[in-house]
Amino acid sequence: MITNAIPNRPPAVQAARDTLRRKGWSHREAAEQLGVSTYHLSLVLNNHRVSRRILNAIQDFPENPSPA
């Protein structure tokens, strides 16, 4: 059986992942900025846990002043 290599993520999760990448934030830096662990952020960004607060906060992130 052939499976699709691209995960099927909800639009809000994919938008948050794209925003972090586009604005130059690493997961470690973003987790620190959000006040959560990198593990929790990873769960949210991989659609294993739902957190509208985190997804909405990521959309408001500025450009990273010191990109990784």
PDB file of N, CA and C in Angstrom:
ATOM      1  N   MET A   1       0.829  -1.171   0.000  1.00  0.00           N
ATOM      2  CA  MET A   1       0.000   0.000   0.000  1.00  0.00           C
ATOM      3  C   MET A   1       0.880   1.243   0.000  1.00  0.00           C
ATOM      4  N   ILE A   2       0.586   2.170  -0.881  1.00  0.00           N
ATOM      5  CA  ILE A   2       1.337   3.420  -0.960  1.00  0.00           C
ATOM      6  C   ILE A   2       0.614   4.473  -0.135  1.00  0.00           C
ATOM      7  N   THR A   3       1.379   5.151   0.710  1.00  0.00           N
ATOM      8  CA  THR A   3       0.782   6.204   1.524  1.00  0.00           C
ATOM      9  C   THR A   3       1.350   7.552   1.101  1.00  0.00           C
ATOM     10  N   ASN A   4       0.593   8.570   1.370  1.00  0.00           N
ATOM     11  CA  ASN A   4       1.022   9.924   1.063  1.00  0.00           C
ATOM     12  C   ASN A   4       2.088  10.343   2.069  1.00  0.00           C
ATOM     13  N   ALA A   5       3.230  10.801   1.598  1.00  0.00           N
ATOM     14  CA  ALA A   5       4.333  11.189   2.476  1.00  0.00           C
ATOM     15  C   ALA A   5       4.058  12.522   3.174  1.00  0.00           C
ATOM     16  N   ILE A   6       3.142  13.310   2.653  1.00  0.00           N
ATOM     17  CA  ILE A   6       2.830  14.608   3.254  1.00  0.00           C
ATOM     18  C   ILE A   6       1.683  14.412   4.238  1.00  0.00           C
ATOM     19  N   PRO A   7       1.928  14.735   5.538  1.00  0.00           N
ATOM     20  CA  PRO A   7       0.858  14.553   6.517  1.00  0.00           C
ATOM     21  C   PRO A   7      -0.332  15.459   6.221  1.00  0.00           C
ATOM     22  N   ASN A   8      -1.515  14.969   6.520  1.00  0.00           N
ATOM     23  CA  ASN A   8      -2.733  15.747   6.330  1.00  0.00           C
ATOM     24  C   ASN A   8      -3.022  16.492   7.629  1.00  0.00           C
ATOM     25  N   ARG A   9      -2.646  17.766   7.694  1.00  0.00           N
ATOM     26  CA  ARG A   9      -2.834  18.572   8.888  1.00  0.00           C
ATOM     27  C   ARG A   9      -3.985  19.543   8.694  1.00  0.00           C
ATOM     28  N   PRO A  10      -4.665  19.881   9.781  1.00  0.00           N
ATOM     29  CA  PRO A  10      -5.702  20.916   9.679  1.00  0.00           C
ATOM     30  C   PRO A  10      -5.074  22.234   9.219  1.00  0.00           C
ATOM     31  N   PRO A  11      -5.828  23.071   8.525  1.00  0.00           N
ATOM     32  CA  PRO A  11      -5.284  24.333   8.011  1.00  0.00           C
ATOM     33  C   PRO A  11      -4.666  25.218   9.079  1.00  0.00           C
ATOM     34  N   ALA A  12      -5.248  25.283  10.275  1.00  0.00           N
ATOM     35  CA  ALA A  12      -4.699  26.141  11.332  1.00  0.00           C
ATOM     36  C   ALA A  12      -3.328  25.658  11.789  1.00  0.00           C
ATOM     37  N   VAL A  13      -3.149  24.347  11.865  1.00  0.00           N
ATOM     38  CA  VAL A  13      -1.857  23.781  12.274  1.00  0.00           C
ATOM     39  C   VAL A  13      -0.820  24.033  11.183  1.00  0.00           C
ATOM     40  N   GLN A  14      -1.181  23.783   9.935  1.00  0.00           N
ATOM     41  CA  GLN A  14      -0.244  24.017   8.837  1.00  0.00           C
ATOM     42  C   GLN A  14       0.129  25.492   8.741  1.00  0.00           C
ATOM     43  N   ALA A  15      -0.837  26.380   8.956  1.00  0.00           N
ATOM     44  CA  ALA A  15      -0.565  27.824   8.913  1.00  0.00           C
ATOM     45  C   ALA A  15       0.422  28.217  10.006  1.00  0.00           C
ATOM     46  N   ALA A  16       0.277  27.647  11.204  1.00  0.00           N
ATOM     47  CA  ALA A  16       1.202  27.955  12.298  1.00  0.00           C
ATOM     48  C   ALA A  16       2.611  27.466  11.958  1.00  0.00           C
ATOM     49  N   ARG A  17       2.716  26.268  11.418  1.00  0.00           N
ATOM     50  CA  ARG A  17       4.033  25.733  11.025  1.00  0.00           C
ATOM     51  C   ARG A  17       4.676  26.619   9.956  1.00  0.00           C
ATOM     52  N   ASP A  18       3.872  27.028   8.979  1.00  0.00           N
ATOM     53  CA  ASP A  18       4.377  27.890   7.907  1.00  0.00           C
ATOM     54  C   ASP A  18       4.814  29.250   8.442  1.00  0.00           C
ATOM     55  N   THR A  19       4.049  29.798   9.383  1.00  0.00           N
ATOM     56  CA  THR A  19       4.387  31.096   9.968  1.00  0.00           C
ATOM     57  C   THR A  19       5.715  31.028  10.702  1.00  0.00           C
ATOM     58  N   LEU A  20       5.919  29.992  11.510  1.00  0.00           N
ATOM     59  CA  LEU A  20       7.192  29.856  12.226  1.00  0.00           C
ATOM     60  C   LEU A  20       8.354  29.786  11.248  1.00  0.00           C
ATOM     61  N   ARG A  21       8.205  29.002  10.210  1.00  0.00           N
ATOM     62  CA  ARG A  21       9.275  28.845   9.221  1.00  0.00           C
ATOM     63  C   ARG A  21       9.541  30.168   8.493  1.00  0.00           C
ATOM     64  N   ARG A  22       8.469  30.805   8.034  1.00  0.00           N
ATOM     65  CA  ARG A  22       8.594  32.040   7.255  1.00  0.00           C
ATOM     66  C   ARG A  22       9.200  33.180   8.081  1.00  0.00           C
ATOM     67  N   LYS A  23       8.866  33.232   9.364  1.00  0.00           N
ATOM     68  CA  LYS A  23       9.346  34.327  10.210  1.00  0.00           C
ATOM     69  C   LYS A  23      10.645  34.003  10.939  1.00  0.00           C
ATOM     70  N   GLY A  24      11.177  32.807  10.717  1.00  0.00           N
ATOM     71  CA  GLY A  24      12.502  32.473  11.229  1.00  0.00           C
ATOM     72  C   GLY A  24      12.560  32.008  12.677  1.00  0.00           C
ATOM     73  N   TRP A  25      11.477  31.444  13.203  1.00  0.00           N
ATOM     74  CA  TRP A  25      11.456  30.981  14.585  1.00  0.00           C
ATOM     75  C   TRP A  25      11.747  29.490  14.648  1.00  0.00           C
ATOM     76  N   SER A  26      12.680  29.085  15.512  1.00  0.00           N
ATOM     77  CA  SER A  26      12.897  27.660  15.764  1.00  0.00           C
ATOM     78  C   SER A  26      11.820  27.205  16.750  1.00  0.00           C
ATOM     79  N   HIS A  27      11.625  25.908  16.851  1.00  0.00           N
ATOM     80  CA  HIS A  27      10.631  25.399  17.794  1.00  0.00           C
ATOM     81  C   HIS A  27      11.047  25.733  19.226  1.00  0.00           C
ATOM     82  N   ARG A  28      12.332  25.672  19.508  1.00  0.00           N
ATOM     83  CA  ARG A  28      12.820  25.981  20.852  1.00  0.00           C
ATOM     84  C   ARG A  28      12.532  27.427  21.214  1.00  0.00           C
ATOM     85  N   GLU A  29      12.845  28.350  20.309  1.00  0.00           N
ATOM     86  CA  GLU A  29      12.599  29.772  20.559  1.00  0.00           C
ATOM     87  C   GLU A  29      11.107  30.072  20.676  1.00  0.00           C
ATOM     88  N   ALA A  30      10.318  29.456  19.820  1.00  0.00           N
ATOM     89  CA  ALA A  30       8.869  29.682  19.849  1.00  0.00           C
ATOM     90  C   ALA A  30       8.268  29.164  21.154  1.00  0.00           C
ATOM     91  N   ALA A  31       8.697  27.993  21.598  1.00  0.00           N
ATOM     92  CA  ALA A  31       8.177  27.426  22.846  1.00  0.00           C
ATOM     93  C   ALA A  31       8.508  28.348  24.016  1.00  0.00           C
ATOM     94  N   GLU A  32       9.721  28.864  24.031  1.00  0.00           N
ATOM     95  CA  GLU A  32      10.121  29.786  25.096  1.00  0.00           C
ATOM     96  C   GLU A  32       9.258  31.047  25.061  1.00  0.00           C
ATOM     97  N   GLN A  33       9.046  31.593  23.886  1.00  0.00           N
ATOM     98  CA  GLN A  33       8.226  32.799  23.717  1.00  0.00           C
ATOM     99  C   GLN A  33       6.783  32.550  24.171  1.00  0.00           C
ATOM    100  N   LEU A  34       6.273  31.355  23.928  1.00  0.00           N
ATOM    101  CA  LEU A  34       4.898  31.005  24.281  1.00  0.00           C
ATOM    102  C   LEU A  34       4.736  30.552  25.729  1.00  0.00           C
ATOM    103  N   GLY A  35       5.847  30.258  26.394  1.00  0.00           N
ATOM    104  CA  GLY A  35       5.779  29.796  27.780  1.00  0.00           C
ATOM    105  C   GLY A  35       5.344  28.349  27.915  1.00  0.00           C
ATOM    106  N   VAL A  36       5.695  27.539  26.919  1.00  0.00           N
ATOM    107  CA  VAL A  36       5.377  26.103  26.954  1.00  0.00           C
ATOM    108  C   VAL A  36       6.652  25.319  26.681  1.00  0.00           C
ATOM    109  N   SER A  37       6.606  24.027  26.936  1.00  0.00           N
ATOM    110  CA  SER A  37       7.765  23.184  26.649  1.00  0.00           C
ATOM    111  C   SER A  37       7.854  22.910  25.151  1.00  0.00           C
ATOM    112  N   THR A  38       9.037  22.555  24.700  1.00  0.00           N
ATOM    113  CA  THR A  38       9.185  22.204  23.290  1.00  0.00           C
ATOM    114  C   THR A  38       8.383  20.953  22.975  1.00  0.00           C
ATOM    115  N   TYR A  39       8.254  20.074  23.948  1.00  0.00           N
ATOM    116  CA  TYR A  39       7.461  18.852  23.762  1.00  0.00           C
ATOM    117  C   TYR A  39       5.994  19.200  23.503  1.00  0.00           C
ATOM    118  N   HIS A  40       5.443  20.097  24.315  1.00  0.00           N
ATOM    119  CA  HIS A  40       4.044  20.494  24.135  1.00  0.00           C
ATOM    120  C   HIS A  40       3.850  21.172  22.781  1.00  0.00           C
ATOM    121  N   LEU A  41       4.754  22.068  22.411  1.00  0.00           N
ATOM    122  CA  LEU A  41       4.650  22.740  21.115  1.00  0.00           C
ATOM    123  C   LEU A  41       4.713  21.724  19.985  1.00  0.00           C
ATOM    124  N   SER A  42       5.585  20.749  20.102  1.00  0.00           N
ATOM    125  CA  SER A  42       5.694  19.713  19.080  1.00  0.00           C
ATOM    126  C   SER A  42       4.388  18.934  18.945  1.00  0.00           C
ATOM    127  N   LEU A  43       3.765  18.612  20.068  1.00  0.00           N
ATOM    128  CA  LEU A  43       2.476  17.905  20.018  1.00  0.00           C
ATOM    129  C   LEU A  43       1.433  18.730  19.273  1.00  0.00           C
ATOM    130  N   VAL A  44       1.397  20.029  19.529  1.00  0.00           N
ATOM    131  CA  VAL A  44       0.423  20.897  18.872  1.00  0.00           C
ATOM    132  C   VAL A  44       0.731  21.008  17.377  1.00  0.00           C
ATOM    133  N   LEU A  45       1.998  21.213  17.028  1.00  0.00           N
ATOM    134  CA  LEU A  45       2.368  21.408  15.627  1.00  0.00           C
ATOM    135  C   LEU A  45       2.312  20.122  14.799  1.00  0.00           C
ATOM    136  N   ASN A  46       2.241  18.985  15.472  1.00  0.00           N
ATOM    137  CA  ASN A  46       2.095  17.712  14.764  1.00  0.00           C
ATOM    138  C   ASN A  46       0.687  17.147  14.904  1.00  0.00           C
ATOM    139  N   ASN A  47      -0.238  18.005  15.368  1.00  0.00           N
ATOM    140  CA  ASN A  47      -1.654  17.688  15.455  1.00  0.00           C
ATOM    141  C   ASN A  47      -1.965  16.505  16.376  1.00  0.00           C
ATOM    142  N   HIS A  48      -1.167  16.368  17.455  1.00  0.00           N
ATOM    143  CA  HIS A  48      -1.441  15.335  18.451  1.00  0.00           C
ATOM    144  C   HIS A  48      -2.136  15.920  19.670  1.00  0.00           C
ATOM    145  N   ARG A  49      -2.168  17.238  19.751  1.00  0.00           N
ATOM    146  CA  ARG A  49      -2.852  17.945  20.832  1.00  0.00           C
ATOM    147  C   ARG A  49      -3.414  19.232  20.254  1.00  0.00           C
ATOM    148  N   VAL A  50      -4.582  19.637  20.723  1.00  0.00           N
ATOM    149  CA  VAL A  50      -5.225  20.843  20.220  1.00  0.00           C
ATOM    150  C   VAL A  50      -4.997  21.990  21.194  1.00  0.00           C
ATOM    151  N   SER A  51      -4.525  23.128  20.680  1.00  0.00           N
ATOM    152  CA  SER A  51      -4.365  24.333  21.492  1.00  0.00           C
ATOM    153  C   SER A  51      -4.582  25.542  20.597  1.00  0.00           C
ATOM    154  N   ARG A  52      -5.803  26.043  20.603  1.00  0.00           N
ATOM    155  CA  ARG A  52      -6.113  27.245  19.815  1.00  0.00           C
ATOM    156  C   ARG A  52      -5.291  28.433  20.300  1.00  0.00           C
ATOM    157  N   ARG A  53      -5.027  28.506  21.625  1.00  0.00           N
ATOM    158  CA  ARG A  53      -4.239  29.610  22.169  1.00  0.00           C
ATOM    159  C   ARG A  53      -2.859  29.666  21.530  1.00  0.00           C
ATOM    160  N   ILE A  54      -2.209  28.532  21.437  1.00  0.00           N
ATOM    161  CA  ILE A  54      -0.866  28.487  20.849  1.00  0.00           C
ATOM    162  C   ILE A  54      -0.922  28.794  19.359  1.00  0.00           C
ATOM    163  N   LEU A  55      -1.851  28.173  18.642  1.00  0.00           N
ATOM    164  CA  LEU A  55      -1.943  28.409  17.199  1.00  0.00           C
ATOM    165  C   LEU A  55      -2.240  29.873  16.890  1.00  0.00           C
ATOM    166  N   ASN A  56      -3.123  30.511  17.657  1.00  0.00           N
ATOM    167  CA  ASN A  56      -3.430  31.924  17.445  1.00  0.00           C
ATOM    168  C   ASN A  56      -2.250  32.817  17.806  1.00  0.00           C
ATOM    169  N   ALA A  57      -1.551  32.488  18.882  1.00  0.00           N
ATOM    170  CA  ALA A  57      -0.396  33.294  19.303  1.00  0.00           C
ATOM    171  C   ALA A  57       0.716  33.241  18.253  1.00  0.00           C
ATOM    172  N   ILE A  58       0.914  32.095  17.647  1.00  0.00           N
ATOM    173  CA  ILE A  58       1.960  31.961  16.625  1.00  0.00           C
ATOM    174  C   ILE A  58       1.669  32.877  15.437  1.00  0.00           C
ATOM    175  N   GLN A  59       0.403  33.018  15.077  1.00  0.00           N
ATOM    176  CA  GLN A  59       0.044  33.880  13.946  1.00  0.00           C
ATOM    177  C   GLN A  59       0.427  35.340  14.204  1.00  0.00           C
ATOM    178  N   ASP A  60       0.521  35.730  15.477  1.00  0.00           N
ATOM    179  CA  ASP A  60       0.867  37.108  15.838  1.00  0.00           C
ATOM    180  C   ASP A  60       2.359  37.309  16.076  1.00  0.00           C
ATOM    181  N   PHE A  61       3.160  36.271  15.895  1.00  0.00           N
ATOM    182  CA  PHE A  61       4.609  36.398  16.106  1.00  0.00           C
ATOM    183  C   PHE A  61       5.191  37.417  15.128  1.00  0.00           C
ATOM    184  N   PRO A  62       6.133  38.241  15.616  1.00  0.00           N
ATOM    185  CA  PRO A  62       6.853  39.152  14.714  1.00  0.00           C
ATOM    186  C   PRO A  62       7.970  38.378  14.002  1.00  0.00           C
ATOM    187  N   GLU A  63       8.651  39.028  13.103  1.00  0.00           N
ATOM    188  CA  GLU A  63       9.854  38.418  12.513  1.00  0.00           C
ATOM    189  C   GLU A  63      10.842  38.156  13.646  1.00  0.00           C
ATOM    190  N   ASN A  64      11.539  37.056  13.605  1.00  0.00           N
ATOM    191  CA  ASN A  64      12.513  36.738  14.639  1.00  0.00           C
ATOM    192  C   ASN A  64      13.721  37.665  14.505  1.00  0.00           C
ATOM    193  N   PRO A  65      14.038  38.427  15.577  1.00  0.00           N
ATOM    194  CA  PRO A  65      15.159  39.367  15.478  1.00  0.00           C
ATOM    195  C   PRO A  65      16.511  38.662  15.388  1.00  0.00           C
ATOM    196  N   SER A  66      16.592  37.424  15.861  1.00  0.00           N
ATOM    197  CA  SER A  66      17.843  36.673  15.772  1.00  0.00           C
ATOM    198  C   SER A  66      17.548  35.251  15.307  1.00  0.00           C
ATOM    199  N   PRO A  67      17.261  35.081  14.001  1.00  0.00           N
ATOM    200  CA  PRO A  67      16.883  33.756  13.495  1.00  0.00           C
ATOM    201  C   PRO A  67      17.964  32.709  13.719  1.00  0.00           C
ATOM    202  N   ALA A  68      17.505  31.490  13.920  1.00  0.00           N
ATOM    203  CA  ALA A  68      18.423  30.364  14.192  1.00  0.00           C
ATOM    204  C   ALA A  68      19.243  30.020  12.980  1.00  0.00           C
TER     205      ALA A  68
END
